Amino acid sequence: MRPPKILTFSGSIRTGSYSATLAAIAAKELALLGAEPVLISLQDYPLPIYDADLEAEEGVPQAAEQLRSQLALADGVFIATPEYNAAVPPLLKNAIDWASRAKGAPGGGGHDPFKGPVFAIGSTSPGALGGYRAAMMLRQVLALGLSALVLAEQAMVPAAHQAFTDAGDFKDERQLERLRGTLRTLIDQSALRAGLRA
């Protein structure tokens, strides 16, 4: 049996982004836990602000088709989001909106990009709630808007500006263990849903 493929990315492309650091740690831990992580950056999928007129005139951008295919080929998805004004960043919401409109690049294969994989959410914030409000909004977009299966477990990182070392690791082993718990569940549920594990 092959290991479950877990797509991992951040909702921020800022240099030094806390959520990008969380996504990178998640990818490393997924490999250690026996999964096949695929770490991407939304910087490699540049997209205009979603506009139905633009879609009607020019079609879905190639970057959206490519992102859709990455999602469709995954057994699980871990998204790390920052919190902007108690919400998900526009970069992340826009990427999801475009991917939901795409049909998939030729040869993309896989399953439905939102109804196939199992999703897990991570969030970061310098505040005490660790991006909780952004995580809840992302859950609503995925579960209610796109009928995705989203795990109840979340990996939230409060005081994110103090949470990581210069090398990009957690300073606190307890935060790492909480992330590992979420990732173990994501691996197990992704494998079950993909028929990789009885």
N, C-alpha and C. Protein backbone atom coordinates (compact mmCIF):
# COMPACT_ATOMS: atom_id res chain seq x y z
N MET A 1 0.84 -1.19 0.00
CA MET A 1 0.00 0.00 0.00
C MET A 1 0.88 1.25 0.00
N ARG A 2 0.54 2.21 -0.83
CA ARG A 2 1.30 3.47 -0.84
C ARG A 2 0.89 4.33 0.35
N PRO A 3 1.77 5.21 0.79
CA PRO A 3 1.40 6.13 1.88
C PRO A 3 0.42 7.18 1.37
N PRO A 4 -0.44 7.72 2.23
CA PRO A 4 -1.34 8.77 1.78
C PRO A 4 -0.58 10.03 1.39
N LYS A 5 -1.01 10.65 0.30
CA LYS A 5 -0.39 11.88 -0.17
C LYS A 5 -1.13 13.07 0.47
N ILE A 6 -0.37 13.91 1.18
CA ILE A 6 -0.96 15.03 1.91
C ILE A 6 -0.42 16.35 1.34
N LEU A 7 -1.29 17.10 0.71
CA LEU A 7 -0.93 18.42 0.20
C LEU A 7 -0.92 19.42 1.35
N THR A 8 0.13 20.23 1.43
CA THR A 8 0.31 21.15 2.54
C THR A 8 0.68 22.52 2.01
N PHE A 9 -0.03 23.56 2.48
CA PHE A 9 0.33 24.91 2.05
C PHE A 9 -0.18 25.94 3.05
N SER A 10 0.33 27.15 2.90
CA SER A 10 -0.01 28.26 3.77
C SER A 10 -0.89 29.26 3.03
N GLY A 11 -1.69 29.98 3.80
CA GLY A 11 -2.51 31.04 3.22
C GLY A 11 -1.79 32.36 3.13
N SER A 12 -0.49 32.36 3.39
CA SER A 12 0.31 33.58 3.32
C SER A 12 1.58 33.31 2.54
N ILE A 13 2.02 34.30 1.77
CA ILE A 13 3.31 34.20 1.06
C ILE A 13 4.27 35.27 1.55
N ARG A 14 3.96 35.90 2.67
CA ARG A 14 4.84 36.91 3.25
C ARG A 14 6.17 36.30 3.66
N THR A 15 7.26 37.02 3.43
CA THR A 15 8.56 36.58 3.91
C THR A 15 8.53 36.46 5.43
N GLY A 16 8.91 35.31 5.93
CA GLY A 16 8.88 35.08 7.37
C GLY A 16 7.50 34.76 7.91
N SER A 17 6.58 34.40 7.05
CA SER A 17 5.20 34.10 7.46
C SER A 17 5.14 33.00 8.52
N TYR A 18 4.37 33.25 9.57
CA TYR A 18 4.21 32.24 10.62
C TYR A 18 3.45 31.03 10.10
N SER A 19 2.43 31.27 9.29
CA SER A 19 1.67 30.13 8.77
C SER A 19 2.49 29.32 7.76
N ALA A 20 3.37 29.97 7.02
CA ALA A 20 4.26 29.23 6.11
C ALA A 20 5.23 28.38 6.91
N THR A 21 5.69 28.91 8.05
CA THR A 21 6.55 28.11 8.93
C THR A 21 5.80 26.90 9.46
N LEU A 22 4.54 27.11 9.86
CA LEU A 22 3.72 25.99 10.35
C LEU A 22 3.52 24.96 9.26
N ALA A 23 3.25 25.39 8.03
CA ALA A 23 3.07 24.46 6.92
C ALA A 23 4.34 23.65 6.66
N ALA A 24 5.50 24.31 6.75
CA ALA A 24 6.76 23.61 6.53
C ALA A 24 7.03 22.58 7.62
N ILE A 25 6.74 22.94 8.87
CA ILE A 25 6.89 21.97 9.96
C ILE A 25 5.94 20.80 9.75
N ALA A 26 4.71 21.10 9.35
CA ALA A 26 3.73 20.03 9.11
C ALA A 26 4.23 19.07 8.03
N ALA A 27 4.80 19.60 6.95
CA ALA A 27 5.31 18.74 5.88
C ALA A 27 6.41 17.83 6.40
N LYS A 28 7.29 18.38 7.20
CA LYS A 28 8.38 17.58 7.78
C LYS A 28 7.83 16.48 8.70
N GLU A 29 6.87 16.84 9.53
CA GLU A 29 6.29 15.87 10.45
C GLU A 29 5.49 14.80 9.72
N LEU A 30 4.79 15.19 8.65
CA LEU A 30 4.04 14.22 7.86
C LEU A 30 4.96 13.14 7.30
N ALA A 31 6.13 13.55 6.84
CA ALA A 31 7.09 12.57 6.32
C ALA A 31 7.56 11.63 7.43
N LEU A 32 7.82 12.19 8.60
CA LEU A 32 8.27 11.37 9.73
C LEU A 32 7.18 10.40 10.20
N LEU A 33 5.91 10.79 9.98
CA LEU A 33 4.78 9.95 10.39
C LEU A 33 4.38 8.94 9.31
N GLY A 34 5.10 8.91 8.20
CA GLY A 34 4.86 7.89 7.19
C GLY A 34 3.97 8.29 6.04
N ALA A 35 3.63 9.58 5.94
CA ALA A 35 2.84 10.05 4.81
C ALA A 35 3.76 10.57 3.71
N GLU A 36 3.18 10.93 2.59
CA GLU A 36 3.92 11.54 1.49
C GLU A 36 3.48 13.01 1.40
N PRO A 37 4.25 13.93 2.01
CA PRO A 37 3.85 15.34 1.97
C PRO A 37 4.19 15.99 0.64
N VAL A 38 3.32 16.89 0.21
CA VAL A 38 3.58 17.72 -0.98
C VAL A 38 3.41 19.17 -0.53
N LEU A 39 4.52 19.86 -0.32
CA LEU A 39 4.50 21.23 0.18
C LEU A 39 4.55 22.19 -1.00
N ILE A 40 3.53 23.05 -1.11
CA ILE A 40 3.49 24.04 -2.18
C ILE A 40 3.34 25.43 -1.59
N SER A 41 3.55 26.44 -2.43
CA SER A 41 3.34 27.83 -2.04
C SER A 41 2.35 28.46 -3.00
N LEU A 42 1.41 29.22 -2.48
CA LEU A 42 0.46 29.91 -3.35
C LEU A 42 1.15 30.97 -4.20
N GLN A 43 2.38 31.31 -3.86
CA GLN A 43 3.16 32.24 -4.69
C GLN A 43 3.37 31.67 -6.09
N ASP A 44 3.37 30.35 -6.20
CA ASP A 44 3.56 29.68 -7.49
C ASP A 44 2.26 29.54 -8.28
N TYR A 45 1.17 30.05 -7.71
CA TYR A 45 -0.14 29.98 -8.37
C TYR A 45 -0.77 31.38 -8.39
N PRO A 46 -0.14 32.32 -9.10
CA PRO A 46 -0.65 33.69 -9.11
C PRO A 46 -1.99 33.78 -9.82
N LEU A 47 -2.94 34.44 -9.16
CA LEU A 47 -4.30 34.50 -9.68
C LEU A 47 -4.87 35.91 -9.52
N PRO A 48 -5.65 36.37 -10.50
CA PRO A 48 -6.35 37.64 -10.32
C PRO A 48 -7.48 37.48 -9.31
N ILE A 49 -7.98 38.58 -8.80
CA ILE A 49 -9.16 38.52 -7.94
C ILE A 49 -10.29 37.89 -8.74
N TYR A 50 -11.02 36.95 -8.10
CA TYR A 50 -12.07 36.25 -8.84
C TYR A 50 -13.10 37.24 -9.36
N ASP A 51 -13.43 37.07 -10.63
CA ASP A 51 -14.38 37.94 -11.32
C ASP A 51 -15.13 37.06 -12.33
N ALA A 52 -16.44 36.93 -12.15
CA ALA A 52 -17.23 36.07 -13.04
C ALA A 52 -17.18 36.56 -14.49
N ASP A 53 -17.09 37.88 -14.69
CA ASP A 53 -16.98 38.40 -16.06
C ASP A 53 -15.66 37.98 -16.68
N LEU A 54 -14.60 38.07 -15.90
CA LEU A 54 -13.28 37.63 -16.39
C LEU A 54 -13.30 36.15 -16.73
N GLU A 55 -13.93 35.35 -15.87
CA GLU A 55 -14.02 33.91 -16.14
C GLU A 55 -14.80 33.66 -17.43
N ALA A 56 -15.89 34.39 -17.64
CA ALA A 56 -16.70 34.20 -18.85
C ALA A 56 -15.94 34.61 -20.11
N GLU A 57 -15.12 35.66 -19.99
CA GLU A 57 -14.40 36.17 -21.16
C GLU A 57 -13.14 35.38 -21.47
N GLU A 58 -12.40 34.99 -20.42
CA GLU A 58 -11.08 34.40 -20.63
C GLU A 58 -10.95 32.97 -20.12
N GLY A 59 -11.97 32.50 -19.41
CA GLY A 59 -11.88 31.16 -18.84
C GLY A 59 -11.13 31.17 -17.52
N VAL A 60 -10.95 30.00 -16.97
CA VAL A 60 -10.26 29.84 -15.69
C VAL A 60 -8.75 29.92 -15.92
N PRO A 61 -8.03 30.71 -15.14
CA PRO A 61 -6.57 30.80 -15.33
C PRO A 61 -5.88 29.45 -15.16
N GLN A 62 -4.77 29.30 -15.87
CA GLN A 62 -4.03 28.04 -15.81
C GLN A 62 -3.58 27.73 -14.39
N ALA A 63 -3.20 28.76 -13.63
CA ALA A 63 -2.75 28.52 -12.26
C ALA A 63 -3.86 27.91 -11.41
N ALA A 64 -5.12 28.29 -11.66
CA ALA A 64 -6.23 27.70 -10.93
C ALA A 64 -6.43 26.24 -11.31
N GLU A 65 -6.26 25.93 -12.59
CA GLU A 65 -6.35 24.54 -13.03
C GLU A 65 -5.26 23.70 -12.37
N GLN A 66 -4.06 24.26 -12.28
CA GLN A 66 -2.95 23.54 -11.67
C GLN A 66 -3.16 23.32 -10.18
N LEU A 67 -3.67 24.34 -9.51
CA LEU A 67 -3.95 24.20 -8.08
C LEU A 67 -5.06 23.18 -7.85
N ARG A 68 -6.07 23.22 -8.67
CA ARG A 68 -7.16 22.26 -8.58
C ARG A 68 -6.64 20.84 -8.72
N SER A 69 -5.72 20.62 -9.66
CA SER A 69 -5.16 19.29 -9.87
C SER A 69 -4.34 18.84 -8.68
N GLN A 70 -3.60 19.75 -8.06
CA GLN A 70 -2.84 19.40 -6.86
C GLN A 70 -3.79 18.93 -5.75
N LEU A 71 -4.90 19.63 -5.59
CA LEU A 71 -5.89 19.24 -4.59
C LEU A 71 -6.51 17.90 -4.93
N ALA A 72 -6.83 17.70 -6.21
CA ALA A 72 -7.53 16.49 -6.63
C ALA A 72 -6.65 15.25 -6.50
N LEU A 73 -5.34 15.42 -6.61
CA LEU A 73 -4.43 14.29 -6.51
C LEU A 73 -4.09 13.93 -5.07
N ALA A 74 -4.50 14.76 -4.13
CA ALA A 74 -4.17 14.54 -2.72
C ALA A 74 -5.21 13.66 -2.03
N ASP A 75 -4.74 12.88 -1.07
CA ASP A 75 -5.64 12.12 -0.20
C ASP A 75 -6.06 12.97 0.99
N GLY A 76 -5.20 13.90 1.37
CA GLY A 76 -5.48 14.80 2.47
C GLY A 76 -4.86 16.15 2.20
N VAL A 77 -5.36 17.17 2.88
CA VAL A 77 -4.86 18.53 2.70
C VAL A 77 -4.73 19.19 4.06
N PHE A 78 -3.55 19.79 4.31
CA PHE A 78 -3.35 20.59 5.53
C PHE A 78 -3.13 22.02 5.10
N ILE A 79 -4.01 22.92 5.55
CA ILE A 79 -3.90 24.34 5.23
C ILE A 79 -3.59 25.11 6.51
N ALA A 80 -2.53 25.90 6.48
CA ALA A 80 -2.17 26.76 7.60
C ALA A 80 -2.53 28.20 7.23
N THR A 81 -3.41 28.79 7.99
CA THR A 81 -3.87 30.15 7.66
C THR A 81 -3.48 31.16 8.73
N PRO A 82 -3.07 32.34 8.31
CA PRO A 82 -2.97 33.44 9.27
C PRO A 82 -4.36 34.05 9.49
N GLU A 83 -4.44 35.01 10.37
CA GLU A 83 -5.70 35.70 10.62
C GLU A 83 -5.55 37.17 10.30
N TYR A 84 -6.35 37.66 9.35
CA TYR A 84 -6.36 39.07 9.00
C TYR A 84 -7.70 39.65 9.40
N ASN A 85 -7.72 40.54 10.38
CA ASN A 85 -8.96 41.18 10.81
C ASN A 85 -10.07 40.16 11.08
N ALA A 86 -9.72 39.13 11.85
CA ALA A 86 -10.65 38.08 12.27
C ALA A 86 -11.16 37.24 11.11
N ALA A 87 -10.39 37.15 10.04
CA ALA A 87 -10.84 36.39 8.86
C ALA A 87 -9.64 35.76 8.15
N VAL A 88 -9.93 34.91 7.16
CA VAL A 88 -8.86 34.34 6.35
C VAL A 88 -8.33 35.42 5.40
N PRO A 89 -7.07 35.33 5.01
CA PRO A 89 -6.52 36.34 4.10
C PRO A 89 -7.15 36.22 2.71
N PRO A 90 -7.26 37.34 1.99
CA PRO A 90 -7.85 37.30 0.65
C PRO A 90 -7.10 36.39 -0.31
N LEU A 91 -5.79 36.27 -0.16
CA LEU A 91 -5.01 35.38 -1.02
C LEU A 91 -5.55 33.96 -0.95
N LEU A 92 -5.79 33.46 0.25
CA LEU A 92 -6.26 32.09 0.44
C LEU A 92 -7.69 31.92 -0.06
N LYS A 93 -8.57 32.84 0.30
CA LYS A 93 -9.97 32.75 -0.14
C LYS A 93 -10.06 32.80 -1.66
N ASN A 94 -9.28 33.67 -2.28
CA ASN A 94 -9.30 33.81 -3.73
C ASN A 94 -8.80 32.53 -4.41
N ALA A 95 -7.75 31.93 -3.85
CA ALA A 95 -7.22 30.68 -4.42
C ALA A 95 -8.26 29.57 -4.35
N ILE A 96 -8.94 29.47 -3.22
CA ILE A 96 -9.98 28.46 -3.07
C ILE A 96 -11.13 28.71 -4.04
N ASP A 97 -11.53 29.99 -4.16
CA ASP A 97 -12.63 30.32 -5.07
C ASP A 97 -12.29 29.93 -6.51
N TRP A 98 -11.09 30.28 -6.95
CA TRP A 98 -10.70 29.93 -8.33
C TRP A 98 -10.58 28.42 -8.50
N ALA A 99 -9.99 27.73 -7.52
CA ALA A 99 -9.85 26.28 -7.64
C ALA A 99 -11.21 25.60 -7.71
N SER A 100 -12.21 26.18 -7.04
CA SER A 100 -13.55 25.59 -7.08
C SER A 100 -14.20 25.76 -8.45
N ARG A 101 -13.71 26.70 -9.24
CA ARG A 101 -14.26 26.93 -10.58
C ARG A 101 -13.53 26.13 -11.64
N ALA A 102 -12.34 25.64 -11.32
CA ALA A 102 -11.51 24.95 -12.31
C ALA A 102 -12.00 23.52 -12.52
N LYS A 103 -11.70 23.00 -13.70
CA LYS A 103 -12.08 21.64 -14.05
C LYS A 103 -10.91 20.67 -13.95
N GLY A 104 -9.71 21.21 -13.77
CA GLY A 104 -8.53 20.35 -13.65
C GLY A 104 -7.72 20.31 -14.92
N ALA A 105 -6.40 20.36 -14.77
CA ALA A 105 -5.52 20.29 -15.93
C ALA A 105 -5.55 18.90 -16.53
N PRO A 106 -5.30 18.77 -17.85
CA PRO A 106 -5.27 17.44 -18.47
C PRO A 106 -4.29 16.53 -17.74
N GLY A 107 -4.74 15.33 -17.47
CA GLY A 107 -3.88 14.37 -16.77
C GLY A 107 -3.84 14.58 -15.27
N GLY A 108 -4.65 15.54 -14.77
CA GLY A 108 -4.65 15.80 -13.33
C GLY A 108 -5.15 14.62 -12.52
N GLY A 109 -6.12 13.93 -13.08
CA GLY A 109 -6.62 12.71 -12.44
C GLY A 109 -7.14 12.98 -11.04
N GLY A 110 -7.01 11.97 -10.19
CA GLY A 110 -7.43 12.12 -8.80
C GLY A 110 -8.94 12.19 -8.67
N HIS A 111 -9.36 12.74 -7.55
CA HIS A 111 -10.79 12.83 -7.27
C HIS A 111 -11.23 14.28 -7.20
N ASP A 112 -12.48 14.48 -6.80
CA ASP A 112 -12.99 15.84 -6.66
C ASP A 112 -12.07 16.62 -5.71
N PRO A 113 -11.66 17.83 -6.07
CA PRO A 113 -10.65 18.54 -5.28
C PRO A 113 -11.11 18.93 -3.88
N PHE A 114 -12.40 18.97 -3.64
CA PHE A 114 -12.88 19.32 -2.31
C PHE A 114 -13.68 18.20 -1.65
N LYS A 115 -14.28 17.33 -2.43
CA LYS A 115 -15.06 16.24 -1.83
C LYS A 115 -14.25 14.95 -1.71
N GLY A 116 -13.06 14.91 -2.31
CA GLY A 116 -12.22 13.72 -2.22
C GLY A 116 -11.30 13.70 -1.02
N PRO A 117 -10.41 14.69 -0.91
CA PRO A 117 -9.45 14.68 0.20
C PRO A 117 -10.10 14.98 1.54
N VAL A 118 -9.41 14.59 2.60
CA VAL A 118 -9.77 15.00 3.95
C VAL A 118 -8.94 16.25 4.28
N PHE A 119 -9.57 17.26 4.86
CA PHE A 119 -8.90 18.52 5.15
C PHE A 119 -8.64 18.68 6.64
N ALA A 120 -7.51 19.29 6.95
CA ALA A 120 -7.20 19.69 8.32
C ALA A 120 -6.71 21.13 8.29
N ILE A 121 -7.00 21.85 9.36
CA ILE A 121 -6.70 23.28 9.41
C ILE A 121 -5.69 23.57 10.52
N GLY A 122 -4.71 24.40 10.17
CA GLY A 122 -3.81 24.99 11.14
C GLY A 122 -3.97 26.49 11.07
N SER A 123 -3.65 27.19 12.14
CA SER A 123 -3.76 28.65 12.11
C SER A 123 -2.71 29.26 13.02
N THR A 124 -2.31 30.48 12.68
CA THR A 124 -1.31 31.19 13.47
C THR A 124 -1.73 32.63 13.67
N SER A 125 -1.32 33.18 14.80
CA SER A 125 -1.60 34.59 15.09
C SER A 125 -0.70 35.04 16.23
N PRO A 126 -0.26 36.29 16.20
CA PRO A 126 0.47 36.81 17.36
C PRO A 126 -0.41 36.90 18.60
N GLY A 127 -1.73 36.88 18.42
CA GLY A 127 -2.66 36.99 19.54
C GLY A 127 -2.83 35.70 20.31
N ALA A 128 -3.63 35.78 21.36
CA ALA A 128 -3.81 34.66 22.28
C ALA A 128 -4.69 33.54 21.72
N LEU A 129 -5.51 33.85 20.70
CA LEU A 129 -6.44 32.85 20.17
C LEU A 129 -5.81 31.99 19.06
N GLY A 130 -4.64 32.36 18.60
CA GLY A 130 -3.95 31.52 17.63
C GLY A 130 -4.62 31.43 16.27
N GLY A 131 -5.33 32.48 15.89
CA GLY A 131 -5.99 32.45 14.58
C GLY A 131 -7.29 31.69 14.57
N TYR A 132 -7.89 31.51 15.74
CA TYR A 132 -9.11 30.71 15.86
C TYR A 132 -10.23 31.20 14.94
N ARG A 133 -10.40 32.52 14.84
CA ARG A 133 -11.50 33.05 14.03
C ARG A 133 -11.27 32.81 12.54
N ALA A 134 -10.02 32.91 12.11
CA ALA A 134 -9.70 32.59 10.72
C ALA A 134 -9.93 31.11 10.45
N ALA A 135 -9.55 30.27 11.41
CA ALA A 135 -9.75 28.82 11.25
C ALA A 135 -11.23 28.48 11.12
N MET A 136 -12.06 29.16 11.91
CA MET A 136 -13.49 28.91 11.83
C MET A 136 -14.07 29.36 10.49
N MET A 137 -13.59 30.49 9.99
CA MET A 137 -14.05 30.97 8.68
C MET A 137 -13.61 30.02 7.58
N LEU A 138 -12.36 29.53 7.65
CA LEU A 138 -11.88 28.58 6.65
C LEU A 138 -12.69 27.29 6.71
N ARG A 139 -13.01 26.84 7.92
CA ARG A 139 -13.85 25.64 8.07
C ARG A 139 -15.21 25.85 7.40
N GLN A 140 -15.79 27.03 7.58
CA GLN A 140 -17.09 27.32 6.96
C GLN A 140 -17.00 27.28 5.44
N VAL A 141 -15.94 27.90 4.89
CA VAL A 141 -15.77 27.91 3.44
C VAL A 141 -15.64 26.49 2.90
N LEU A 142 -14.81 25.69 3.56
CA LEU A 142 -14.56 24.33 3.07
C LEU A 142 -15.75 23.40 3.30
N ALA A 143 -16.26 23.37 4.53
CA ALA A 143 -17.30 22.41 4.89
C ALA A 143 -18.67 22.81 4.37
N LEU A 144 -19.07 24.06 4.59
CA LEU A 144 -20.39 24.50 4.18
C LEU A 144 -20.41 24.93 2.72
N GLY A 145 -19.38 25.64 2.30
CA GLY A 145 -19.37 26.15 0.93
C GLY A 145 -19.04 25.11 -0.11
N LEU A 146 -18.14 24.17 0.25
CA LEU A 146 -17.64 23.22 -0.76
C LEU A 146 -17.87 21.76 -0.38
N SER A 147 -18.60 21.52 0.70
CA SER A 147 -18.95 20.15 1.14
C SER A 147 -17.72 19.28 1.39
N ALA A 148 -16.63 19.91 1.84
CA ALA A 148 -15.43 19.15 2.16
C ALA A 148 -15.54 18.52 3.54
N LEU A 149 -14.84 17.40 3.71
CA LEU A 149 -14.73 16.77 5.03
C LEU A 149 -13.56 17.42 5.75
N VAL A 150 -13.86 18.15 6.83
CA VAL A 150 -12.84 18.87 7.58
C VAL A 150 -12.76 18.27 8.98
N LEU A 151 -11.57 17.88 9.40
CA LEU A 151 -11.40 17.29 10.72
C LEU A 151 -11.77 18.27 11.83
N ALA A 152 -12.28 17.72 12.92
CA ALA A 152 -12.57 18.55 14.09
C ALA A 152 -11.29 19.08 14.71
N GLU A 153 -10.21 18.29 14.67
CA GLU A 153 -8.94 18.71 15.25
C GLU A 153 -8.34 19.88 14.46
N GLN A 154 -7.78 20.83 15.17
CA GLN A 154 -7.11 21.97 14.56
C GLN A 154 -5.78 22.18 15.26
N ALA A 155 -4.82 22.73 14.52
CA ALA A 155 -3.51 23.03 15.09
C ALA A 155 -3.35 24.55 15.13
N MET A 156 -3.67 25.15 16.26
CA MET A 156 -3.62 26.61 16.39
C MET A 156 -2.37 27.02 17.15
N VAL A 157 -1.72 28.07 16.66
CA VAL A 157 -0.47 28.54 17.27
C VAL A 157 -0.64 29.98 17.74
N PRO A 158 -0.92 30.18 19.04
CA PRO A 158 -0.99 31.54 19.58
C PRO A 158 0.41 32.11 19.78
N ALA A 159 0.49 33.42 19.94
CA ALA A 159 1.79 34.09 20.13
C ALA A 159 2.79 33.60 19.10
N ALA A 160 2.35 33.56 17.86
CA ALA A 160 3.16 32.96 16.80
C ALA A 160 4.48 33.68 16.59
N HIS A 161 4.54 34.95 16.92
CA HIS A 161 5.78 35.71 16.76
C HIS A 161 6.87 35.24 17.71
N GLN A 162 6.49 34.44 18.72
CA GLN A 162 7.45 33.90 19.68
C GLN A 162 7.50 32.38 19.66
N ALA A 163 6.76 31.75 18.75
CA ALA A 163 6.58 30.30 18.81
C ALA A 163 7.68 29.50 18.12
N PHE A 164 8.41 30.14 17.20
CA PHE A 164 9.33 29.38 16.36
C PHE A 164 10.79 29.82 16.57
N THR A 165 11.69 28.88 16.37
CA THR A 165 13.12 29.19 16.41
C THR A 165 13.55 29.79 15.08
N ASP A 166 14.75 30.31 15.04
CA ASP A 166 15.28 30.86 13.79
C ASP A 166 15.43 29.79 12.73
N ALA A 167 15.55 28.54 13.16
CA ALA A 167 15.68 27.42 12.23
C ALA A 167 14.34 26.93 11.72
N GLY A 168 13.24 27.52 12.21
CA GLY A 168 11.91 27.14 11.73
C GLY A 168 11.31 25.95 12.43
N ASP A 169 11.66 25.74 13.69
CA ASP A 169 11.07 24.68 14.50
C ASP A 169 10.27 25.30 15.63
N PHE A 170 9.42 24.50 16.27
CA PHE A 170 8.71 24.97 17.46
C PHE A 170 9.69 25.10 18.62
N LYS A 171 9.52 26.15 19.41
CA LYS A 171 10.26 26.27 20.65
C LYS A 171 9.68 25.37 21.73
N ASP A 172 8.37 25.20 21.69
CA ASP A 172 7.64 24.46 22.72
C ASP A 172 7.26 23.08 22.20
N GLU A 173 7.74 22.04 22.84
CA GLU A 173 7.45 20.67 22.42
C GLU A 173 5.96 20.36 22.50
N ARG A 174 5.23 21.04 23.39
CA ARG A 174 3.79 20.77 23.52
C ARG A 174 3.04 21.22 22.27
N GLN A 175 3.46 22.33 21.68
CA GLN A 175 2.82 22.77 20.44
C GLN A 175 3.10 21.79 19.31
N LEU A 176 4.31 21.26 19.28
CA LEU A 176 4.64 20.26 18.26
C LEU A 176 3.79 19.01 18.45
N GLU A 177 3.58 18.59 19.67
CA GLU A 177 2.77 17.40 19.93
C GLU A 177 1.32 17.62 19.53
N ARG A 178 0.81 18.83 19.74
CA ARG A 178 -0.56 19.12 19.31
C ARG A 178 -0.67 19.05 17.78
N LEU A 179 0.32 19.57 17.10
CA LEU A 179 0.33 19.47 15.64
C LEU A 179 0.40 18.02 15.20
N ARG A 180 1.27 17.24 15.83
CA ARG A 180 1.40 15.83 15.47
C ARG A 180 0.08 15.09 15.65
N GLY A 181 -0.65 15.41 16.71
CA GLY A 181 -1.94 14.76 16.93
C GLY A 181 -2.90 15.03 15.79
N THR A 182 -2.96 16.28 15.34
CA THR A 182 -3.81 16.63 14.21
C THR A 182 -3.36 15.90 12.95
N LEU A 183 -2.05 15.85 12.73
CA LEU A 183 -1.53 15.21 11.52
C LEU A 183 -1.74 13.70 11.53
N ARG A 184 -1.62 13.08 12.69
CA ARG A 184 -1.87 11.63 12.78
C ARG A 184 -3.32 11.33 12.39
N THR A 185 -4.25 12.13 12.89
CA THR A 185 -5.65 11.93 12.53
C THR A 185 -5.86 12.16 11.04
N LEU A 186 -5.22 13.19 10.50
CA LEU A 186 -5.34 13.48 9.07
C LEU A 186 -4.82 12.32 8.23
N ILE A 187 -3.69 11.76 8.62
CA ILE A 187 -3.13 10.62 7.89
C ILE A 187 -4.08 9.43 7.95
N ASP A 188 -4.56 9.11 9.14
CA ASP A 188 -5.45 7.95 9.31
C ASP A 188 -6.74 8.12 8.52
N GLN A 189 -7.37 9.28 8.63
CA GLN A 189 -8.64 9.49 7.94
C GLN A 189 -8.46 9.58 6.43
N SER A 190 -7.36 10.15 5.99
CA SER A 190 -7.08 10.22 4.55
C SER A 190 -6.85 8.84 3.98
N ALA A 191 -6.11 8.02 4.71
CA ALA A 191 -5.84 6.65 4.26
C ALA A 191 -7.13 5.83 4.19
N LEU A 192 -7.97 5.99 5.21
CA LEU A 192 -9.25 5.26 5.21
C LEU A 192 -10.14 5.67 4.06
N ARG A 193 -10.23 6.97 3.85
CA ARG A 193 -11.13 7.47 2.80
C ARG A 193 -10.63 7.07 1.41
N ALA A 194 -9.30 7.00 1.26
CA ALA A 194 -8.73 6.64 -0.04
C ALA A 194 -8.63 5.14 -0.23
N GLY A 195 -9.06 4.37 0.78
CA GLY A 195 -9.00 2.91 0.66
C GLY A 195 -7.60 2.36 0.78
N LEU A 196 -6.71 3.10 1.46
CA LEU A 196 -5.33 2.66 1.63
C LEU A 196 -5.14 1.85 2.89
N ARG A 197 -6.16 1.83 3.73
CA ARG A 197 -6.05 1.15 5.02
C ARG A 197 -7.40 0.57 5.37
N ALA A 198 -7.40 -0.64 5.86
CA ALA A 198 -8.66 -1.30 6.22
C ALA A 198 -9.14 -0.83 7.57
